[in-house]
C-alpha cells in the first residue's frame, strides 16, 4: 500500500513496448537504474511496464537504441489529477477534503476487528473498551496500551491479555482468554442415582458400593452406587460414590407437522434507499417515508469507500432494498415431505436428550394424519449412561 501511494503521488505511466527483442529495453532500463515495475508480457514481441513521469524519457531513449516502439497507454497519479483540477475549484476543494479525510482517518478509529476470543463475545470486549474510552472516533495516538489493559481486564474476568493495534482506521483487538482447569472431584459423601428409568446392562463402581447389577430394572432416582459402604464389623464407611452405569432405555417422542405450508406471494414493488455512515452517524440520502406494506423484505448492504490504492476511508455506503410481496397462500404438501420434516425434528431432539452419554440402537418412525396435521411419532431403544451424582444426606 505504501508503494502504491508513493507511485500515485509522483505519477506513473503505463508504457507499451513492441520490438523483436523487447527484453533488451528492460535490460537497458535496469542498467541505467530507470525506475520501472509491473512488467507484463503480452506476446513474445510485446510487453507493458510502468514507470515514473521522469523515467518515461529514459525508457523512450532505451527503446530508440534498440529500434523498439514505445507508446504511452495510460498516465495516472496526482500530477495528472492536479492538471485536470487546475481551473475546477469545486473538484479541487473536494480533492483537498479527501486528502484531509485520509490524513485524519489514519489517526482515527472507524472500525473494530476482534480476534482470539472463543467464549467471551465481541460485544463484551467492545463494551469494555468503550467504557475505558476507546470507541469509534477515538484518535489512535491517544491509546496507552498498559493503562488500557489495567482498566479493561478488570471488567473481563475471562481475559488475561488484550492489545489494540491500529492500522489505518481499523483497530484490531487481540484477545487471550483464560484457560480454565478441570473441575475438582468433590470429596464429600455422595450417591449415584438414576436420572431416568432403564434396564441395567453394565456397572462400573469406581468409588462406593454398587447397589444394582446387570439385568436389574431401575426407576428414575433409584440408588445405583451407594456412598455408604458396609464394613465387616457391621459398621458403615462414608465415601464419595462415583462410577458409571449403563442401561437400555426407551424414548417416545411426538411432533405435529402441518400438511400445508405458507407460500409468499409474488413481488409487487421494490425500492432501494442509500445512506452514508460516517463513524456512528448516518446521513440519509432519502426523504421520510413508510414501508411498502405488511409483508416486506429488507436487505441492507454495506460498501466501504476506498481510494484507488486500497486505503479505506471512514465512510460506508449503506444500500437498503425493501421489497413488498402480495398476499401469502397456504399450499398443500405431500405426506412424505411432512413426515421427513417431523422425523428430522424428532431425531435432533433425541440427539439432544442423549448428548454424549448414549446412542440410539433401534429407531422406528410412525405417522398418522389428523385433519390438516400429521402426527409423527418416534420410538427409540437406546443404550446410555444413566447415573448422576447427588450429595449423600443424613437421611
Protein backbone atom coordinates (compact mmCIF):
# COMPACT_ATOMS: atom_id res chain seq x y z
CA UNK A 1 0.00 0.00 0.00
CA UNK A 2 2.88 2.38 0.80
CA UNK A 3 4.50 1.90 -2.62
CA UNK A 4 1.15 2.34 -4.35
CA UNK A 5 0.57 5.63 -2.51
CA UNK A 6 4.07 6.89 -3.41
CA UNK A 7 3.61 5.96 -7.07
CA UNK A 8 0.26 7.75 -7.14
CA UNK A 9 1.71 10.94 -5.63
CA UNK A 10 4.67 11.16 -8.01
CA UNK A 11 2.69 9.95 -11.04
CA UNK A 12 3.06 6.82 -13.12
CA UNK A 13 2.89 5.96 -16.82
CA UNK A 14 1.88 2.69 -18.49
CA UNK A 15 4.20 2.17 -21.50
CA UNK A 16 3.66 -0.36 -24.31
CA UNK A 17 6.88 -1.63 -25.93
CA UNK A 18 6.95 -3.56 -29.20
CA UNK A 19 10.14 -4.98 -30.71
CA UNK A 20 11.74 -8.16 -31.91
CA UNK A 21 13.59 -8.35 -28.59
CA UNK A 22 11.67 -6.20 -26.11
CA UNK A 23 13.66 -7.64 -23.22
CA UNK A 24 16.64 -5.55 -24.40
CA UNK A 25 14.70 -2.40 -23.48
CA UNK A 26 14.11 -3.82 -20.00
CA UNK A 27 17.82 -4.66 -19.64
CA UNK A 28 18.89 -1.15 -20.72
CA UNK A 29 16.46 0.45 -18.26
CA UNK A 30 17.73 -1.76 -15.45
CA UNK A 31 21.35 -0.90 -16.30
CA UNK A 32 20.57 2.81 -16.31
CA UNK A 33 18.70 2.47 -12.98
CA UNK A 34 15.45 3.70 -14.52
CA UNK A 35 12.57 3.09 -12.07
CA UNK A 36 10.05 0.64 -13.57
CA UNK A 37 7.76 -2.10 -12.29
CA UNK A 38 4.78 -4.29 -13.16
CA UNK A 39 6.30 -5.80 -16.32
CA UNK A 40 3.71 -7.88 -18.19
CA UNK A 41 4.34 -9.86 -21.38
CA UNK A 42 1.55 -9.60 -23.94
CA UNK A 43 3.32 -11.69 -26.60
CA UNK A 44 6.91 -12.67 -27.48
CA UNK A 45 7.35 -9.25 -29.12
CA UNK A 46 5.18 -7.07 -26.83
CA UNK A 47 5.23 -6.09 -23.19
CA UNK A 48 3.98 -3.34 -20.91
CA UNK A 49 5.66 -1.75 -17.91
CA UNK A 50 5.02 1.11 -15.55
CA UNK A 51 7.48 3.90 -14.87
CA UNK A 52 7.51 7.38 -13.37
CA UNK A 53 6.84 10.54 -15.36
CA UNK A 54 10.55 11.39 -15.17
CA UNK A 55 11.54 7.88 -16.18
CA UNK A 56 9.41 7.99 -19.35
CA UNK A 57 12.04 9.91 -21.32
CA UNK A 58 14.74 7.38 -20.35
CA UNK A 59 12.52 4.48 -21.38
CA UNK A 60 11.95 6.10 -24.76
CA UNK A 61 15.71 6.63 -25.26
CA UNK A 62 16.34 2.98 -24.42
CA UNK A 63 13.67 1.95 -26.93
CA UNK A 64 15.26 4.12 -29.65
CA UNK A 65 18.65 2.48 -29.07
CA UNK A 66 17.29 -0.98 -29.93
CA UNK A 67 14.77 0.16 -32.56
CA UNK A 68 11.70 -0.53 -30.44
CA UNK A 69 8.41 1.37 -30.43
CA UNK A 70 7.42 2.84 -27.04
CA UNK A 71 3.84 4.07 -26.74
CA UNK A 72 2.17 5.63 -23.70
CA UNK A 73 -1.04 3.76 -22.98
CA UNK A 74 -2.19 5.49 -19.81
CA UNK A 75 -0.99 8.14 -17.35
CA UNK A 76 -2.09 8.11 -13.73
CA UNK A 77 -1.32 9.88 -10.49
CA UNK A 78 -1.59 13.10 -8.57
CA UNK A 79 0.20 15.33 -11.16
CA UNK A 80 -2.34 14.41 -13.86
CA UNK A 81 -5.18 14.96 -11.42
CA UNK A 82 -3.75 18.36 -10.45
CA UNK A 83 -3.59 19.46 -14.11
CA UNK A 84 -7.21 18.48 -14.64
CA UNK A 85 -8.35 20.28 -11.49
CA UNK A 86 -6.34 23.45 -12.09
CA UNK A 87 -9.40 25.52 -13.05
CA UNK A 88 -12.07 23.35 -11.46
CA UNK A 89 -12.19 24.81 -8.00
CA UNK A 90 -15.04 22.68 -6.70
CA UNK A 91 -13.28 19.46 -7.66
CA UNK A 92 -10.03 20.82 -6.26
CA UNK A 93 -11.74 21.54 -2.96
CA UNK A 94 -13.18 18.02 -2.98
CA UNK A 95 -9.71 16.61 -3.60
CA UNK A 96 -8.26 18.61 -0.71
CA UNK A 97 -11.12 17.45 1.51
CA UNK A 98 -10.36 13.86 0.53
CA UNK A 99 -6.71 14.33 1.48
CA UNK A 100 -7.75 15.76 4.84
CA UNK A 101 -10.08 12.80 5.40
CA UNK A 102 -7.27 10.39 4.56
CA UNK A 103 -4.84 12.09 6.94
CA UNK A 104 -7.41 12.32 9.72
CA UNK A 105 -8.68 8.79 9.04
CA UNK A 106 -5.21 7.35 9.52
CA UNK A 107 -5.19 8.67 13.08
CA UNK A 108 -8.84 7.92 13.93
CA UNK A 109 -10.52 4.59 14.66
CA UNK A 110 -13.56 3.90 12.47
CA UNK A 111 -13.80 0.11 12.68
CA UNK A 112 -13.01 -2.68 15.18
CA UNK A 113 -11.96 -6.28 14.46
CA UNK A 114 -11.81 -8.66 17.45
CA UNK A 115 -9.82 -11.91 17.26
CA UNK A 116 -8.65 -14.64 19.63
CA UNK A 117 -11.87 -14.85 21.66
CA UNK A 118 -13.95 -18.04 21.79
CA UNK A 119 -16.06 -17.78 24.94
CA UNK A 120 -16.04 -14.01 25.50
CA UNK A 121 -18.37 -12.33 22.95
CA UNK A 122 -17.18 -9.46 20.78
CA UNK A 123 -19.83 -7.20 22.30
CA UNK A 124 -18.40 -7.64 25.81
CA UNK A 125 -14.88 -6.76 24.63
CA UNK A 126 -16.05 -3.69 22.70
CA UNK A 127 -18.25 -2.55 25.60
CA UNK A 128 -15.29 -2.74 28.00
CA UNK A 129 -13.14 -0.73 25.57
CA UNK A 130 -15.91 1.84 25.18
CA UNK A 131 -16.21 2.21 28.97
CA UNK A 132 -12.48 2.92 29.05
CA UNK A 133 -12.79 5.49 26.26
CA UNK A 134 -11.77 3.61 23.11
CA UNK A 135 -14.61 3.68 20.60
CA UNK A 136 -15.38 4.81 17.06
CA UNK A 137 -13.88 8.26 16.56
CA UNK A 138 -11.06 7.81 19.09
CA UNK A 139 -7.63 9.02 17.95
CA UNK A 140 -5.22 6.11 17.77
CA UNK A 141 -2.28 8.18 19.04
CA UNK A 142 -4.03 8.67 22.40
CA UNK A 143 -4.13 4.95 23.34
CA UNK A 144 -1.94 3.94 26.30
CA UNK A 145 -1.76 0.14 25.98
CA UNK A 146 -0.61 -0.50 29.56
CA UNK A 147 -3.19 1.77 31.18
CA UNK A 148 -5.89 0.39 28.87
CA UNK A 149 -5.13 -3.20 29.92
CA UNK A 150 -5.11 -2.29 33.62
CA UNK A 151 -8.68 -0.97 33.34
CA UNK A 152 -10.25 -3.25 30.71
CA UNK A 153 -9.02 -6.55 32.17
CA UNK A 154 -10.82 -5.73 35.42
CA UNK A 155 -14.14 -5.89 33.53
CA UNK A 156 -13.29 -9.04 31.55
CA UNK A 157 -12.73 -11.85 34.05
CA UNK A 158 -12.11 -14.50 31.38
CA UNK A 159 -9.46 -12.43 29.54
CA UNK A 160 -5.82 -12.42 30.69
CA UNK A 161 -4.29 -10.22 27.98
CA UNK A 162 -5.56 -7.72 25.44
CA UNK A 163 -3.99 -5.39 22.88
CA UNK A 164 -5.36 -2.82 20.44
CA UNK A 165 -3.27 -2.46 17.28
CA UNK A 166 -4.39 0.32 14.93
CA UNK A 167 -3.64 0.10 11.23
CA UNK A 168 -5.07 2.94 9.22
CA UNK A 169 -8.58 3.46 10.54
CA UNK A 170 -9.09 -0.17 11.64
CA UNK A 171 -8.39 -1.19 15.26
CA UNK A 172 -7.51 -4.87 15.57
CA UNK A 173 -8.24 -6.11 19.08
CA UNK A 174 -6.25 -9.22 20.04
CA UNK A 175 -7.62 -11.21 22.98
CA UNK A 176 -6.08 -14.03 25.01
CA UNK A 177 -8.64 -15.86 27.14
CA UNK A 178 -8.13 -17.54 30.48
CA UNK A 179 -7.60 -21.31 30.36
CA UNK A 180 -9.90 -22.95 32.85
CA UNK A 181 -8.66 -26.05 34.70
CA UNK A 182 -10.71 -29.18 35.12
CA UNK A 183 -13.30 -29.26 37.85
CA UNK A 184 -12.05 -30.78 41.08
CA UNK A 185 -13.67 -34.00 42.22
CA UNK A 186 -15.83 -33.49 45.28
CA UNK A 187 -14.52 -35.29 48.37
CA UNK A 188 -17.76 -35.31 50.35
CA UNK A 189 -20.03 -38.39 50.60
CA UNK A 190 -22.27 -38.86 47.58
CA UNK A 191 -24.51 -41.41 45.89
CA UNK A 192 -25.00 -42.18 42.22
CA UNK A 193 -28.70 -42.37 41.27
CA UNK A 194 -30.56 -42.99 38.02
CA UNK A 195 -31.56 -39.89 36.08
CA UNK A 196 -34.07 -41.94 34.04
CA UNK A 197 -35.58 -45.47 34.13
CA UNK A 198 -33.97 -48.33 32.24
CA UNK A 199 -32.60 -51.88 32.18
CA UNK A 200 -29.07 -52.01 33.61
CA UNK A 201 -26.51 -53.58 31.27
CA UNK A 202 -23.17 -52.63 32.85
CA UNK A 203 -21.91 -51.24 36.17
CA UNK A 204 -18.51 -49.65 36.87
CA UNK A 205 -18.25 -48.60 40.52
CA UNK A 206 -15.10 -46.50 40.96
CA UNK A 207 -15.95 -45.43 44.49
CA UNK A 208 -18.57 -46.61 46.95
CA UNK A 209 -20.61 -49.81 46.70
CA UNK A 210 -22.71 -50.90 43.69
CA UNK A 211 -26.41 -51.21 44.54
CA UNK A 212 -27.53 -52.79 41.24
CA UNK A 213 -26.26 -55.48 38.90
CA UNK A 214 -26.72 -56.02 35.16
CA UNK A 215 -30.25 -57.17 34.44
CA UNK A 216 -31.92 -55.03 37.11
CA UNK A 217 -34.72 -52.68 36.13
CA UNK A 218 -34.37 -49.26 37.75
CA UNK A 219 -36.63 -46.24 38.04
CA UNK A 220 -35.76 -42.57 37.95
CA UNK A 221 -33.96 -41.53 41.14
CA UNK A 222 -33.19 -45.11 42.23
CA UNK A 223 -29.86 -45.71 44.00
CA UNK A 224 -27.19 -47.17 41.69
CA UNK A 225 -23.91 -46.71 43.59
CA UNK A 226 -24.05 -46.04 47.33
CA UNK A 227 -21.60 -43.88 49.22
CA UNK A 228 -22.32 -45.86 52.42
CA UNK A 229 -20.06 -48.94 52.30
CA UNK A 230 -20.72 -51.88 54.67
CA UNK A 231 -17.76 -52.96 56.79
CA UNK A 232 -17.02 -56.49 58.02
CA UNK A 233 -17.68 -55.47 61.63
CA UNK A 234 -21.19 -54.34 60.74
CA UNK A 235 -20.39 -50.63 60.58
CA UNK A 236 -20.56 -48.16 57.69
CA UNK A 237 -17.90 -46.10 55.96
CA UNK A 238 -18.94 -42.94 54.15
CA UNK A 239 -17.37 -42.47 50.73
CA UNK A 240 -17.83 -40.40 47.63
CA UNK A 241 -19.76 -42.80 45.45
CA UNK A 242 -18.72 -42.47 41.83
CA UNK A 243 -18.75 -44.55 38.70
CA UNK A 244 -20.72 -45.22 35.54
CA UNK A 245 -23.85 -47.26 34.97
CA UNK A 246 -25.12 -48.11 31.50
CA UNK A 247 -28.69 -49.12 30.83
CA UNK A 248 -31.05 -49.82 27.98
CA UNK A 249 -33.61 -47.02 27.79
CA UNK A 250 -36.67 -46.28 25.69
CA UNK A 251 -37.95 -42.99 24.32
CA UNK A 252 -41.22 -41.99 22.68
CA UNK A 253 -41.32 -38.53 21.13
CA UNK A 254 -44.09 -36.92 19.08
CA UNK A 255 -44.38 -33.88 16.84
CA UNK A 256 -47.24 -32.32 14.89
CA UNK A 257 -46.31 -31.19 11.38
CA UNK A 258 -48.71 -29.14 9.21
CA UNK A 259 -49.73 -30.63 5.86
CA UNK A 260 -49.77 -27.15 4.33
CA UNK A 261 -47.01 -24.57 4.01
CA UNK A 262 -47.28 -20.81 3.84
CA UNK A 263 -46.08 -19.62 0.43
CA UNK A 264 -45.13 -15.99 -0.04
CA UNK A 265 -46.87 -14.03 -2.77
CA UNK A 266 -45.26 -12.59 -5.88
CA UNK A 267 -43.10 -9.44 -5.57
CA UNK A 268 -45.18 -6.31 -6.10
CA UNK A 269 -42.70 -3.47 -5.81
CA UNK A 270 -39.16 -2.76 -4.72
CA UNK A 271 -37.08 0.29 -3.96
CA UNK A 272 -33.53 0.99 -2.85
CA UNK A 273 -32.52 3.79 -0.50
CA UNK A 274 -28.98 4.95 0.22
CA UNK A 275 -27.29 6.42 3.26
CA UNK A 276 -23.77 7.34 4.35
CA UNK A 277 -22.35 6.02 7.61
CA UNK A 278 -19.59 8.26 8.97
CA UNK A 279 -18.44 6.77 12.23
CA UNK A 280 -21.56 6.32 14.36
CA UNK A 281 -23.54 8.92 12.45
CA UNK A 282 -25.81 8.11 9.50
CA UNK A 283 -26.65 10.65 6.80
CA UNK A 284 -29.81 9.61 4.95
CA UNK A 285 -29.85 10.36 1.24
CA UNK A 286 -33.61 9.91 1.02
CA UNK A 287 -36.68 11.63 2.40
CA UNK A 288 -39.09 10.43 5.00
CA UNK A 289 -41.29 7.52 4.01
CA UNK A 290 -43.12 4.49 5.31
CA UNK A 291 -42.51 0.86 4.49
CA UNK A 292 -44.08 -0.67 1.40
CA UNK A 293 -46.58 -2.85 3.25
CA UNK A 294 -47.04 -5.58 5.82
CA UNK A 295 -45.21 -8.42 4.04
CA UNK A 296 -41.84 -6.92 3.17
CA UNK A 297 -38.21 -7.96 2.99
CA UNK A 298 -35.44 -5.53 3.83
CA UNK A 299 -31.87 -6.27 2.78
CA UNK A 300 -29.08 -3.86 3.73
CA UNK A 301 -25.68 -3.99 2.05
CA UNK A 302 -22.65 -2.07 3.31
CA UNK A 303 -19.87 -0.99 0.95
CA UNK A 304 -16.80 0.71 2.44
CA UNK A 305 -15.36 3.62 0.46
CA UNK A 306 -11.73 3.03 -0.56
CA UNK A 307 -9.23 5.09 -2.51
CA UNK A 308 -7.71 3.66 -5.74
CA UNK A 309 -4.63 2.31 -3.94
CA UNK A 310 -6.69 0.43 -1.35
CA UNK A 311 -6.73 2.87 1.57
CA UNK A 312 -10.12 2.78 3.27
CA UNK A 313 -11.90 5.99 4.17
CA UNK A 314 -14.06 6.33 7.31
CA UNK A 315 -17.18 6.31 5.12
CA UNK A 316 -19.54 3.42 4.37
CA UNK A 317 -22.33 3.45 1.80
CA UNK A 318 -25.45 1.65 3.06
CA UNK A 319 -27.86 0.41 0.38
CA UNK A 320 -31.24 -0.62 1.82
CA UNK A 321 -33.50 -2.57 -0.55
CA UNK A 322 -37.14 -3.06 0.51
CA UNK A 323 -39.33 -5.48 -1.47
CA UNK A 324 -43.10 -5.81 -0.95
CA UNK A 325 -44.91 -9.08 -1.69
CA UNK A 326 -48.51 -9.97 -2.42
CA UNK A 327 -50.80 -11.95 -0.10
CA UNK A 328 -49.44 -15.29 1.10
CA UNK A 329 -51.34 -18.52 0.41
CA UNK A 330 -51.47 -21.96 2.02
CA UNK A 331 -50.12 -24.62 -0.34
CA UNK A 332 -50.64 -28.34 0.40
CA UNK A 333 -47.61 -30.60 0.54
CA UNK A 334 -47.13 -34.35 0.38
CA UNK A 335 -47.36 -36.58 3.42
CA UNK A 336 -43.84 -37.81 2.69
CA UNK A 337 -42.42 -34.30 2.89
CA UNK A 338 -44.19 -33.62 6.18
CA UNK A 339 -43.06 -36.98 7.57
CA UNK A 340 -39.42 -36.27 6.64
CA UNK A 341 -39.60 -32.88 8.36
CA UNK A 342 -41.08 -34.41 11.52
CA UNK A 343 -38.54 -37.24 11.54
CA UNK A 344 -35.64 -34.81 11.19
CA UNK A 345 -37.03 -32.71 14.06
CA UNK A 346 -37.51 -35.70 16.37
CA UNK A 347 -34.08 -37.19 15.62
CA UNK A 348 -32.43 -33.89 16.54
CA UNK A 349 -34.47 -33.81 19.74
CA UNK A 350 -33.38 -37.37 20.56
CA UNK A 351 -29.72 -36.48 19.98
CA UNK A 352 -30.05 -33.54 22.38
CA UNK A 353 -31.59 -35.79 25.04
CA UNK A 354 -28.86 -38.43 24.70
CA UNK A 355 -25.97 -36.00 24.40
CA UNK A 356 -22.55 -37.64 24.58
CA UNK A 357 -23.65 -40.33 27.05
CA UNK A 358 -25.72 -42.57 24.80
CA UNK A 359 -26.54 -43.88 21.34
CA UNK A 360 -29.78 -44.89 19.64
CA UNK A 361 -29.67 -48.56 18.62
CA UNK A 362 -33.17 -49.04 17.24
CA UNK A 363 -35.44 -46.26 15.93
CA UNK A 364 -38.95 -46.57 14.48
CA UNK A 365 -40.99 -43.76 12.92
CA UNK A 366 -44.80 -43.78 12.62
CA UNK A 367 -47.06 -41.11 11.13
CA UNK A 368 -50.84 -40.60 11.33
CA UNK A 369 -52.90 -37.87 9.64
CA UNK A 370 -55.09 -35.79 11.95
CA UNK A 371 -57.04 -33.30 9.87
CA UNK A 372 -54.60 -30.76 8.43
CA UNK A 373 -51.78 -32.07 10.61
CA UNK A 374 -49.51 -35.10 10.53
CA UNK A 375 -48.70 -36.66 13.91
CA UNK A 376 -45.17 -38.10 13.71
CA UNK A 377 -44.06 -40.46 16.50
CA UNK A 378 -40.50 -41.64 17.15
CA UNK A 379 -39.87 -44.71 19.30
CA UNK A 380 -36.25 -45.45 20.10
CA UNK A 381 -34.35 -48.08 22.06
CA UNK A 382 -31.08 -46.62 23.31
CA UNK A 383 -28.00 -47.55 25.29
CA UNK A 384 -26.84 -44.75 27.55
CA UNK A 385 -25.15 -43.89 30.81
CA UNK A 386 -27.88 -43.06 33.32
CA UNK A 387 -26.00 -42.30 36.55
CA UNK A 388 -25.70 -38.90 38.18
CA UNK A 389 -24.07 -37.92 41.45
CA UNK A 390 -26.08 -36.44 44.33
CA UNK A 391 -24.73 -35.42 47.77
CA UNK A 392 -25.29 -38.00 50.50
CA UNK A 393 -27.64 -36.69 53.19
CA UNK A 394 -28.03 -37.81 56.78
CA UNK A 395 -31.39 -39.38 55.93
